[in-house]
Amino acid sequence: MKKFSTLEDFVGTHFIYTYDNGWEYELYVKNEHTIDYRIHGGMVAGRWVKNQEVSLVMLTEGIYKITWTEPTGTDVALDFLPNDEKMHGMIFFPKWVHEHPEITVCFQNDFIDLMHESREKYETYPKYLIPEFAKITYIGEAGKDNDEVVAQAPYKEMTDDIRAGKYYDANYKMMNK
């Protein structure tokens, strides 16, 4: 397994992880300030996002933090310990997302206006806090700025296909477009 030491080791990496509550997520560290992700389990399963601006730092050798605020008003803080195949996530869902998660289950990039409208229309507080540890179940070296890593909506067996080597070729390009 790859050893993570520097920020450069982390950038370009594709992860699948499952939280202790059973929610499965996929995240690609596209570059030093952008991620793409898909949600495969939990209250917003089916949601996917490209080019989410983030703050990315290395806390110490091999330990990384990614934080961002989504157009929904959801705040996220993720701590990755890839050498130990662990991570910890803290999600701060606005009240409206907790009460109407179906609004967010889409390719967010095509519905930014709807996310902003919903954020203004519905109540934000109190926030619904979800602190969870997760097990990293997949680590792939996709390279920087690879737009094929998260290029289609999640489907039921997608993460199993990725882990089994049935989704990307040797150059980390989608095999079945």
N, C-alpha and C. Protein backbone atom coordinates (compact mmCIF):
# COMPACT_ATOMS: atom_id res chain seq x y z
N MET A 1 0.83 -1.19 0.00
CA MET A 1 0.00 0.00 0.00
C MET A 1 0.88 1.25 0.00
N LYS A 2 0.42 2.26 -0.68
CA LYS A 2 1.12 3.54 -0.75
C LYS A 2 1.29 4.13 0.65
N LYS A 3 2.45 4.73 0.90
CA LYS A 3 2.71 5.43 2.15
C LYS A 3 2.46 6.92 1.93
N PHE A 4 1.59 7.50 2.77
CA PHE A 4 1.28 8.92 2.68
C PHE A 4 2.16 9.69 3.66
N SER A 5 2.93 10.63 3.13
CA SER A 5 3.81 11.45 3.98
C SER A 5 3.60 12.94 3.76
N THR A 6 3.44 13.34 2.51
CA THR A 6 3.37 14.75 2.15
C THR A 6 1.98 15.10 1.62
N LEU A 7 1.73 16.39 1.44
CA LEU A 7 0.47 16.82 0.83
C LEU A 7 0.39 16.34 -0.62
N GLU A 8 1.51 16.30 -1.30
CA GLU A 8 1.54 15.82 -2.68
C GLU A 8 1.12 14.36 -2.78
N ASP A 9 1.41 13.56 -1.74
CA ASP A 9 0.98 12.16 -1.72
C ASP A 9 -0.54 12.05 -1.68
N PHE A 10 -1.20 13.00 -1.04
CA PHE A 10 -2.64 12.98 -0.82
C PHE A 10 -3.42 13.49 -2.03
N VAL A 11 -2.90 14.55 -2.65
CA VAL A 11 -3.57 15.15 -3.81
C VAL A 11 -3.56 14.15 -4.97
N GLY A 12 -4.72 13.99 -5.61
CA GLY A 12 -4.85 13.05 -6.72
C GLY A 12 -5.33 11.67 -6.28
N THR A 13 -5.63 11.52 -4.99
CA THR A 13 -6.05 10.24 -4.46
C THR A 13 -7.58 10.14 -4.44
N HIS A 14 -8.06 8.95 -4.72
CA HIS A 14 -9.49 8.64 -4.76
C HIS A 14 -9.78 7.67 -3.61
N PHE A 15 -10.76 8.02 -2.78
CA PHE A 15 -11.10 7.22 -1.60
C PHE A 15 -12.55 6.76 -1.65
N ILE A 16 -12.79 5.58 -1.10
CA ILE A 16 -14.13 5.14 -0.73
C ILE A 16 -14.05 4.81 0.75
N TYR A 17 -15.02 5.28 1.50
CA TYR A 17 -15.02 5.00 2.94
C TYR A 17 -16.43 4.80 3.43
N THR A 18 -16.54 4.01 4.49
CA THR A 18 -17.84 3.71 5.09
C THR A 18 -17.80 4.17 6.54
N TYR A 19 -18.72 5.05 6.88
CA TYR A 19 -18.84 5.52 8.26
C TYR A 19 -19.37 4.40 9.15
N ASP A 20 -19.09 4.51 10.43
CA ASP A 20 -19.57 3.52 11.40
C ASP A 20 -21.09 3.39 11.39
N ASN A 21 -21.80 4.44 10.95
CA ASN A 21 -23.27 4.37 10.89
C ASN A 21 -23.76 3.68 9.60
N GLY A 22 -22.82 3.23 8.74
CA GLY A 22 -23.16 2.51 7.53
C GLY A 22 -23.21 3.34 6.26
N TRP A 23 -23.12 4.66 6.37
CA TRP A 23 -23.16 5.53 5.20
C TRP A 23 -21.87 5.39 4.40
N GLU A 24 -21.98 5.20 3.10
CA GLU A 24 -20.80 5.04 2.26
C GLU A 24 -20.62 6.27 1.36
N TYR A 25 -19.39 6.78 1.34
CA TYR A 25 -19.05 7.96 0.56
C TYR A 25 -17.83 7.66 -0.30
N GLU A 26 -17.70 8.48 -1.33
CA GLU A 26 -16.55 8.40 -2.23
C GLU A 26 -16.05 9.82 -2.43
N LEU A 27 -14.75 10.04 -2.33
CA LEU A 27 -14.18 11.37 -2.44
C LEU A 27 -12.88 11.31 -3.23
N TYR A 28 -12.74 12.23 -4.17
CA TYR A 28 -11.54 12.35 -4.98
C TYR A 28 -10.91 13.70 -4.70
N VAL A 29 -9.65 13.69 -4.26
CA VAL A 29 -8.90 14.92 -3.98
C VAL A 29 -8.33 15.37 -5.33
N LYS A 30 -9.09 16.17 -6.02
CA LYS A 30 -8.80 16.54 -7.41
C LYS A 30 -7.52 17.37 -7.54
N ASN A 31 -7.35 18.31 -6.64
CA ASN A 31 -6.13 19.12 -6.59
C ASN A 31 -6.06 19.77 -5.21
N GLU A 32 -5.18 20.72 -5.02
CA GLU A 32 -4.93 21.31 -3.70
C GLU A 32 -6.11 22.11 -3.15
N HIS A 33 -7.11 22.42 -3.98
CA HIS A 33 -8.23 23.24 -3.52
C HIS A 33 -9.60 22.77 -4.01
N THR A 34 -9.66 21.56 -4.60
CA THR A 34 -10.91 21.09 -5.18
C THR A 34 -11.08 19.59 -4.94
N ILE A 35 -12.34 19.18 -4.63
CA ILE A 35 -12.68 17.76 -4.54
C ILE A 35 -13.90 17.49 -5.42
N ASP A 36 -14.07 16.22 -5.77
CA ASP A 36 -15.30 15.70 -6.37
C ASP A 36 -15.76 14.59 -5.44
N TYR A 37 -17.07 14.37 -5.31
CA TYR A 37 -17.53 13.27 -4.47
C TYR A 37 -18.88 12.74 -4.89
N ARG A 38 -19.15 11.50 -4.44
CA ARG A 38 -20.44 10.85 -4.63
C ARG A 38 -20.84 10.25 -3.29
N ILE A 39 -22.15 10.23 -3.04
CA ILE A 39 -22.67 9.67 -1.80
C ILE A 39 -23.48 8.42 -2.15
N HIS A 40 -23.08 7.30 -1.57
CA HIS A 40 -23.67 6.00 -1.91
C HIS A 40 -24.59 5.46 -0.83
N GLY A 41 -24.57 6.03 0.36
CA GLY A 41 -25.42 5.54 1.43
C GLY A 41 -25.73 6.66 2.41
N GLY A 42 -26.85 6.53 3.11
CA GLY A 42 -27.23 7.55 4.08
C GLY A 42 -28.37 8.41 3.58
N MET A 43 -28.66 9.45 4.35
CA MET A 43 -29.85 10.26 4.07
C MET A 43 -29.80 11.06 2.77
N VAL A 44 -28.61 11.25 2.19
CA VAL A 44 -28.50 11.95 0.91
C VAL A 44 -27.83 11.07 -0.15
N ALA A 45 -28.02 9.75 -0.05
CA ALA A 45 -27.48 8.82 -1.04
C ALA A 45 -27.99 9.20 -2.42
N GLY A 46 -27.09 9.17 -3.39
CA GLY A 46 -27.43 9.56 -4.76
C GLY A 46 -26.93 10.94 -5.13
N ARG A 47 -26.52 11.71 -4.15
CA ARG A 47 -25.99 13.06 -4.38
C ARG A 47 -24.57 12.94 -4.93
N TRP A 48 -24.23 13.82 -5.87
CA TRP A 48 -22.85 13.87 -6.34
C TRP A 48 -22.50 15.28 -6.77
N VAL A 49 -21.21 15.60 -6.63
CA VAL A 49 -20.73 16.97 -6.78
C VAL A 49 -19.36 16.96 -7.45
N LYS A 50 -19.17 17.88 -8.35
CA LYS A 50 -17.85 18.08 -8.97
C LYS A 50 -17.36 19.50 -8.66
N ASN A 51 -16.06 19.63 -8.53
CA ASN A 51 -15.38 20.92 -8.38
C ASN A 51 -15.81 21.70 -7.14
N GLN A 52 -15.96 21.00 -6.02
CA GLN A 52 -16.26 21.66 -4.75
C GLN A 52 -14.98 22.30 -4.23
N GLU A 53 -15.01 23.61 -4.05
CA GLU A 53 -13.86 24.32 -3.48
C GLU A 53 -13.72 23.95 -2.00
N VAL A 54 -12.49 23.67 -1.59
CA VAL A 54 -12.22 23.25 -0.21
C VAL A 54 -10.96 23.91 0.32
N SER A 55 -10.80 23.80 1.62
CA SER A 55 -9.53 24.10 2.26
C SER A 55 -8.90 22.76 2.58
N LEU A 56 -7.70 22.54 2.11
CA LEU A 56 -6.99 21.27 2.29
C LEU A 56 -5.65 21.55 2.94
N VAL A 57 -5.39 20.88 4.06
CA VAL A 57 -4.11 21.04 4.74
C VAL A 57 -3.60 19.68 5.21
N MET A 58 -2.30 19.60 5.40
CA MET A 58 -1.69 18.45 6.06
C MET A 58 -1.46 18.87 7.51
N LEU A 59 -2.09 18.16 8.45
CA LEU A 59 -1.95 18.50 9.87
C LEU A 59 -0.59 18.10 10.41
N THR A 60 -0.15 16.93 10.02
CA THR A 60 1.16 16.41 10.34
C THR A 60 1.43 15.32 9.32
N GLU A 61 2.59 14.74 9.29
CA GLU A 61 2.91 13.76 8.27
C GLU A 61 1.84 12.68 8.17
N GLY A 62 1.24 12.55 6.98
CA GLY A 62 0.27 11.50 6.71
C GLY A 62 -1.12 11.72 7.26
N ILE A 63 -1.41 12.90 7.81
CA ILE A 63 -2.74 13.21 8.35
C ILE A 63 -3.22 14.51 7.72
N TYR A 64 -4.44 14.46 7.13
CA TYR A 64 -4.94 15.55 6.31
C TYR A 64 -6.33 15.98 6.74
N LYS A 65 -6.62 17.27 6.57
CA LYS A 65 -7.94 17.82 6.87
C LYS A 65 -8.47 18.53 5.63
N ILE A 66 -9.75 18.22 5.30
CA ILE A 66 -10.45 18.90 4.22
C ILE A 66 -11.70 19.52 4.83
N THR A 67 -11.93 20.81 4.57
CA THR A 67 -13.12 21.50 5.08
C THR A 67 -13.75 22.31 3.97
N TRP A 68 -15.09 22.44 4.05
CA TRP A 68 -15.79 23.26 3.07
C TRP A 68 -17.22 23.54 3.53
N THR A 69 -17.82 24.52 2.88
CA THR A 69 -19.24 24.83 3.03
C THR A 69 -19.88 24.66 1.67
N GLU A 70 -20.96 23.88 1.62
CA GLU A 70 -21.66 23.61 0.37
C GLU A 70 -22.70 24.70 0.08
N PRO A 71 -23.15 24.79 -1.17
CA PRO A 71 -24.23 25.74 -1.49
C PRO A 71 -25.50 25.49 -0.68
N THR A 72 -25.68 24.29 -0.14
CA THR A 72 -26.83 23.98 0.70
C THR A 72 -26.74 24.65 2.07
N GLY A 73 -25.53 25.09 2.43
CA GLY A 73 -25.27 25.59 3.78
C GLY A 73 -24.68 24.52 4.68
N THR A 74 -24.53 23.30 4.18
CA THR A 74 -23.91 22.22 4.94
C THR A 74 -22.43 22.49 5.07
N ASP A 75 -21.92 22.37 6.29
CA ASP A 75 -20.48 22.49 6.54
C ASP A 75 -19.92 21.08 6.77
N VAL A 76 -18.70 20.85 6.27
CA VAL A 76 -18.09 19.53 6.37
C VAL A 76 -16.64 19.69 6.79
N ALA A 77 -16.20 18.82 7.71
CA ALA A 77 -14.79 18.75 8.12
C ALA A 77 -14.40 17.28 8.16
N LEU A 78 -13.41 16.91 7.34
CA LEU A 78 -12.97 15.53 7.25
C LEU A 78 -11.49 15.43 7.60
N ASP A 79 -11.17 14.47 8.45
CA ASP A 79 -9.78 14.18 8.80
C ASP A 79 -9.42 12.81 8.27
N PHE A 80 -8.43 12.75 7.39
CA PHE A 80 -8.01 11.50 6.76
C PHE A 80 -6.69 11.02 7.36
N LEU A 81 -6.65 9.75 7.73
CA LEU A 81 -5.45 9.05 8.17
C LEU A 81 -5.28 7.85 7.23
N PRO A 82 -4.91 8.09 5.98
CA PRO A 82 -4.90 7.01 4.99
C PRO A 82 -3.92 5.88 5.30
N ASN A 83 -2.83 6.17 5.98
CA ASN A 83 -1.89 5.10 6.33
C ASN A 83 -2.51 4.10 7.29
N ASP A 84 -3.52 4.53 8.04
CA ASP A 84 -4.23 3.66 8.97
C ASP A 84 -5.60 3.24 8.43
N GLU A 85 -5.91 3.66 7.19
CA GLU A 85 -7.20 3.38 6.55
C GLU A 85 -8.38 3.84 7.41
N LYS A 86 -8.21 5.02 8.03
CA LYS A 86 -9.25 5.60 8.88
C LYS A 86 -9.50 7.04 8.48
N MET A 87 -10.68 7.50 8.81
CA MET A 87 -10.97 8.93 8.69
C MET A 87 -12.07 9.26 9.69
N HIS A 88 -12.20 10.55 9.95
CA HIS A 88 -13.27 11.04 10.82
C HIS A 88 -13.93 12.19 10.10
N GLY A 89 -15.25 12.14 10.07
CA GLY A 89 -16.00 13.20 9.43
C GLY A 89 -16.93 13.87 10.40
N MET A 90 -17.09 15.17 10.23
CA MET A 90 -18.06 15.95 10.99
C MET A 90 -18.87 16.72 9.97
N ILE A 91 -20.16 16.36 9.88
CA ILE A 91 -21.06 17.01 8.93
C ILE A 91 -22.05 17.84 9.73
N PHE A 92 -22.23 19.08 9.32
CA PHE A 92 -23.15 20.01 9.98
C PHE A 92 -24.28 20.31 8.99
N PHE A 93 -25.32 19.46 9.00
CA PHE A 93 -26.45 19.66 8.09
C PHE A 93 -27.34 20.77 8.62
N PRO A 94 -27.72 21.73 7.77
CA PRO A 94 -28.74 22.70 8.17
C PRO A 94 -30.05 21.95 8.43
N LYS A 95 -30.91 22.55 9.23
CA LYS A 95 -32.19 21.93 9.55
C LYS A 95 -32.94 21.55 8.28
N TRP A 96 -32.92 22.41 7.27
CA TRP A 96 -33.68 22.14 6.05
C TRP A 96 -33.19 20.89 5.33
N VAL A 97 -31.87 20.64 5.31
CA VAL A 97 -31.34 19.45 4.65
C VAL A 97 -31.77 18.20 5.41
N HIS A 98 -31.75 18.28 6.74
CA HIS A 98 -32.18 17.14 7.55
C HIS A 98 -33.67 16.84 7.32
N GLU A 99 -34.47 17.88 7.16
CA GLU A 99 -35.92 17.69 6.98
C GLU A 99 -36.32 17.42 5.52
N HIS A 100 -35.52 17.88 4.57
CA HIS A 100 -35.83 17.72 3.14
C HIS A 100 -34.60 17.23 2.36
N PRO A 101 -34.00 16.10 2.76
CA PRO A 101 -32.77 15.66 2.09
C PRO A 101 -32.96 15.38 0.61
N GLU A 102 -34.18 15.00 0.21
CA GLU A 102 -34.46 14.65 -1.19
C GLU A 102 -34.15 15.80 -2.14
N ILE A 103 -34.22 17.04 -1.66
CA ILE A 103 -33.93 18.20 -2.52
C ILE A 103 -32.47 18.16 -2.97
N THR A 104 -31.60 17.64 -2.12
CA THR A 104 -30.16 17.66 -2.41
C THR A 104 -29.67 16.45 -3.18
N VAL A 105 -30.53 15.44 -3.36
CA VAL A 105 -30.12 14.21 -4.03
C VAL A 105 -30.22 14.41 -5.54
N CYS A 106 -29.08 14.88 -6.08
CA CYS A 106 -29.01 15.23 -7.50
C CYS A 106 -27.53 15.46 -7.84
N PHE A 107 -27.27 15.79 -9.09
CA PHE A 107 -25.95 16.30 -9.46
C PHE A 107 -25.98 17.78 -9.12
N GLN A 108 -25.42 18.11 -7.96
CA GLN A 108 -25.56 19.46 -7.42
C GLN A 108 -25.17 20.55 -8.42
N ASN A 109 -24.15 20.32 -9.22
CA ASN A 109 -23.66 21.34 -10.14
C ASN A 109 -24.76 21.87 -11.06
N ASP A 110 -25.74 21.03 -11.38
CA ASP A 110 -26.84 21.45 -12.25
C ASP A 110 -27.98 22.13 -11.48
N PHE A 111 -27.88 22.17 -10.15
CA PHE A 111 -28.98 22.70 -9.33
C PHE A 111 -28.50 23.68 -8.25
N ILE A 112 -27.47 24.43 -8.54
CA ILE A 112 -26.93 25.39 -7.56
C ILE A 112 -28.00 26.40 -7.16
N ASP A 113 -28.76 26.92 -8.12
CA ASP A 113 -29.81 27.89 -7.79
C ASP A 113 -30.85 27.29 -6.85
N LEU A 114 -31.23 26.03 -7.08
CA LEU A 114 -32.18 25.36 -6.20
C LEU A 114 -31.61 25.21 -4.79
N MET A 115 -30.32 24.91 -4.69
CA MET A 115 -29.69 24.78 -3.37
C MET A 115 -29.74 26.13 -2.63
N HIS A 116 -29.41 27.21 -3.34
CA HIS A 116 -29.45 28.54 -2.73
C HIS A 116 -30.88 28.92 -2.34
N GLU A 117 -31.85 28.66 -3.23
CA GLU A 117 -33.25 28.98 -2.94
C GLU A 117 -33.74 28.20 -1.71
N SER A 118 -33.40 26.93 -1.63
CA SER A 118 -33.84 26.09 -0.51
C SER A 118 -33.19 26.56 0.79
N ARG A 119 -31.94 26.97 0.70
CA ARG A 119 -31.23 27.47 1.88
C ARG A 119 -31.91 28.72 2.43
N GLU A 120 -32.46 29.54 1.55
CA GLU A 120 -33.15 30.76 1.97
C GLU A 120 -34.59 30.49 2.39
N LYS A 121 -35.25 29.53 1.74
CA LYS A 121 -36.66 29.25 1.96
C LYS A 121 -36.92 28.52 3.29
N TYR A 122 -36.05 27.58 3.63
CA TYR A 122 -36.27 26.73 4.80
C TYR A 122 -35.36 27.15 5.96
N GLU A 123 -35.68 26.65 7.14
CA GLU A 123 -34.89 26.98 8.34
C GLU A 123 -33.51 26.32 8.29
N THR A 124 -32.54 27.06 8.78
CA THR A 124 -31.16 26.57 8.83
C THR A 124 -30.83 25.95 10.19
N TYR A 125 -31.35 26.54 11.25
CA TYR A 125 -31.00 26.11 12.60
C TYR A 125 -32.17 25.44 13.28
N PRO A 126 -31.95 24.52 14.20
CA PRO A 126 -30.62 24.10 14.63
C PRO A 126 -29.97 23.17 13.59
N LYS A 127 -28.66 23.17 13.58
CA LYS A 127 -27.91 22.29 12.69
C LYS A 127 -28.02 20.86 13.22
N TYR A 128 -28.01 19.90 12.30
CA TYR A 128 -28.04 18.48 12.62
C TYR A 128 -26.60 17.99 12.50
N LEU A 129 -25.98 17.63 13.62
CA LEU A 129 -24.56 17.28 13.65
C LEU A 129 -24.37 15.78 13.54
N ILE A 130 -23.46 15.38 12.65
CA ILE A 130 -23.14 13.96 12.49
C ILE A 130 -21.63 13.78 12.59
N PRO A 131 -21.14 13.41 13.79
CA PRO A 131 -19.72 13.08 13.94
C PRO A 131 -19.56 11.56 13.82
N GLU A 132 -18.74 11.11 12.89
CA GLU A 132 -18.59 9.67 12.68
C GLU A 132 -17.16 9.33 12.27
N PHE A 133 -16.69 8.19 12.76
CA PHE A 133 -15.46 7.60 12.26
C PHE A 133 -15.82 6.75 11.06
N ALA A 134 -14.84 6.52 10.20
CA ALA A 134 -15.06 5.70 9.01
C ALA A 134 -13.84 4.84 8.73
N LYS A 135 -14.10 3.75 8.04
CA LYS A 135 -13.05 2.85 7.56
C LYS A 135 -12.86 3.14 6.08
N ILE A 136 -11.64 3.43 5.67
CA ILE A 136 -11.33 3.63 4.26
C ILE A 136 -11.25 2.24 3.63
N THR A 137 -12.11 2.00 2.63
CA THR A 137 -12.19 0.67 2.01
C THR A 137 -11.56 0.63 0.62
N TYR A 138 -11.12 1.79 0.13
CA TYR A 138 -10.48 1.85 -1.19
C TYR A 138 -9.62 3.09 -1.26
N ILE A 139 -8.42 2.92 -1.80
CA ILE A 139 -7.52 4.04 -2.08
C ILE A 139 -6.97 3.83 -3.48
N GLY A 140 -7.26 4.79 -4.36
CA GLY A 140 -6.78 4.70 -5.74
C GLY A 140 -5.97 5.92 -6.11
N GLU A 141 -4.96 5.71 -6.94
CA GLU A 141 -4.12 6.81 -7.41
C GLU A 141 -4.63 7.28 -8.77
N ALA A 142 -5.53 8.27 -8.74
CA ALA A 142 -6.18 8.77 -9.96
C ALA A 142 -5.40 9.88 -10.64
N GLY A 143 -4.46 10.49 -9.93
CA GLY A 143 -3.74 11.63 -10.48
C GLY A 143 -4.53 12.91 -10.33
N LYS A 144 -3.85 14.02 -10.49
CA LYS A 144 -4.50 15.33 -10.35
C LYS A 144 -5.42 15.63 -11.52
N ASP A 145 -6.51 16.35 -11.21
CA ASP A 145 -7.41 16.92 -12.21
C ASP A 145 -7.94 15.91 -13.24
N ASN A 146 -8.25 14.71 -12.77
CA ASN A 146 -8.79 13.66 -13.63
C ASN A 146 -10.32 13.74 -13.58
N ASP A 147 -10.93 14.31 -14.61
CA ASP A 147 -12.38 14.51 -14.64
C ASP A 147 -13.17 13.23 -14.81
N GLU A 148 -12.51 12.10 -15.04
CA GLU A 148 -13.23 10.82 -15.18
C GLU A 148 -13.45 10.11 -13.85
N VAL A 149 -12.84 10.56 -12.78
CA VAL A 149 -12.98 9.86 -11.51
C VAL A 149 -14.43 9.91 -11.02
N VAL A 150 -14.99 11.10 -10.98
CA VAL A 150 -16.40 11.28 -10.60
C VAL A 150 -17.08 11.92 -11.80
N ALA A 151 -17.58 11.08 -12.71
CA ALA A 151 -18.11 11.60 -13.97
C ALA A 151 -19.53 11.13 -14.26
N GLN A 152 -20.11 10.36 -13.35
CA GLN A 152 -21.49 9.92 -13.55
C GLN A 152 -22.14 9.71 -12.19
N ALA A 153 -23.47 9.67 -12.21
CA ALA A 153 -24.23 9.49 -10.97
C ALA A 153 -23.91 8.14 -10.33
N PRO A 154 -23.99 8.08 -9.02
CA PRO A 154 -23.78 6.80 -8.35
C PRO A 154 -24.88 5.80 -8.70
N TYR A 155 -24.50 4.53 -8.76
CA TYR A 155 -25.48 3.46 -8.94
C TYR A 155 -25.21 2.39 -7.88
N LYS A 156 -26.13 1.47 -7.73
CA LYS A 156 -26.15 0.54 -6.60
C LYS A 156 -24.83 -0.21 -6.37
N GLU A 157 -24.23 -0.77 -7.37
CA GLU A 157 -23.02 -1.59 -7.20
C GLU A 157 -21.73 -0.84 -7.55
N MET A 158 -21.79 0.47 -7.69
CA MET A 158 -20.64 1.23 -8.17
C MET A 158 -19.40 1.04 -7.31
N THR A 159 -19.53 1.18 -6.00
CA THR A 159 -18.33 1.08 -5.16
C THR A 159 -17.75 -0.34 -5.19
N ASP A 160 -18.61 -1.35 -5.28
CA ASP A 160 -18.12 -2.73 -5.42
C ASP A 160 -17.38 -2.89 -6.74
N ASP A 161 -17.92 -2.31 -7.82
CA ASP A 161 -17.25 -2.37 -9.12
C ASP A 161 -15.89 -1.69 -9.07
N ILE A 162 -15.81 -0.55 -8.40
CA ILE A 162 -14.53 0.17 -8.29
C ILE A 162 -13.53 -0.68 -7.53
N ARG A 163 -13.93 -1.18 -6.37
CA ARG A 163 -13.01 -1.99 -5.56
C ARG A 163 -12.56 -3.26 -6.28
N ALA A 164 -13.43 -3.81 -7.13
CA ALA A 164 -13.12 -5.05 -7.86
C ALA A 164 -12.31 -4.79 -9.14
N GLY A 165 -12.01 -3.53 -9.45
CA GLY A 165 -11.24 -3.22 -10.64
C GLY A 165 -12.06 -3.26 -11.92
N LYS A 166 -13.38 -3.14 -11.83
CA LYS A 166 -14.27 -3.23 -12.99
C LYS A 166 -14.74 -1.86 -13.49
N TYR A 167 -14.26 -0.78 -12.89
CA TYR A 167 -14.79 0.54 -13.23
C TYR A 167 -13.77 1.41 -13.97
N TYR A 168 -12.51 1.38 -13.53
CA TYR A 168 -11.45 2.18 -14.14
C TYR A 168 -10.42 1.25 -14.79
N ASP A 169 -9.82 1.73 -15.89
CA ASP A 169 -8.74 0.97 -16.51
C ASP A 169 -7.41 1.31 -15.83
N ALA A 170 -6.31 0.83 -16.36
CA ALA A 170 -4.99 1.03 -15.77
C ALA A 170 -4.58 2.50 -15.74
N ASN A 171 -5.17 3.32 -16.60
CA ASN A 171 -4.89 4.75 -16.65
C ASN A 171 -5.90 5.58 -15.88
N TYR A 172 -6.72 4.90 -15.08
CA TYR A 172 -7.76 5.52 -14.26
C TYR A 172 -8.77 6.28 -15.12
N LYS A 173 -9.19 5.65 -16.19
CA LYS A 173 -10.26 6.16 -17.06
C LYS A 173 -11.43 5.18 -16.92
N MET A 174 -12.65 5.70 -16.97
CA MET A 174 -13.84 4.85 -16.87
C MET A 174 -13.84 3.84 -18.02
N MET A 175 -14.13 2.58 -17.71
CA MET A 175 -14.15 1.54 -18.73
C MET A 175 -15.48 1.49 -19.47
N ASN A 176 -16.59 1.70 -18.78
CA ASN A 176 -17.92 1.58 -19.39
C ASN A 176 -18.65 2.91 -19.35
N LYS A 177 -18.45 3.71 -20.36
CA LYS A 177 -19.08 5.03 -20.40
C LYS A 177 -20.45 4.94 -21.00
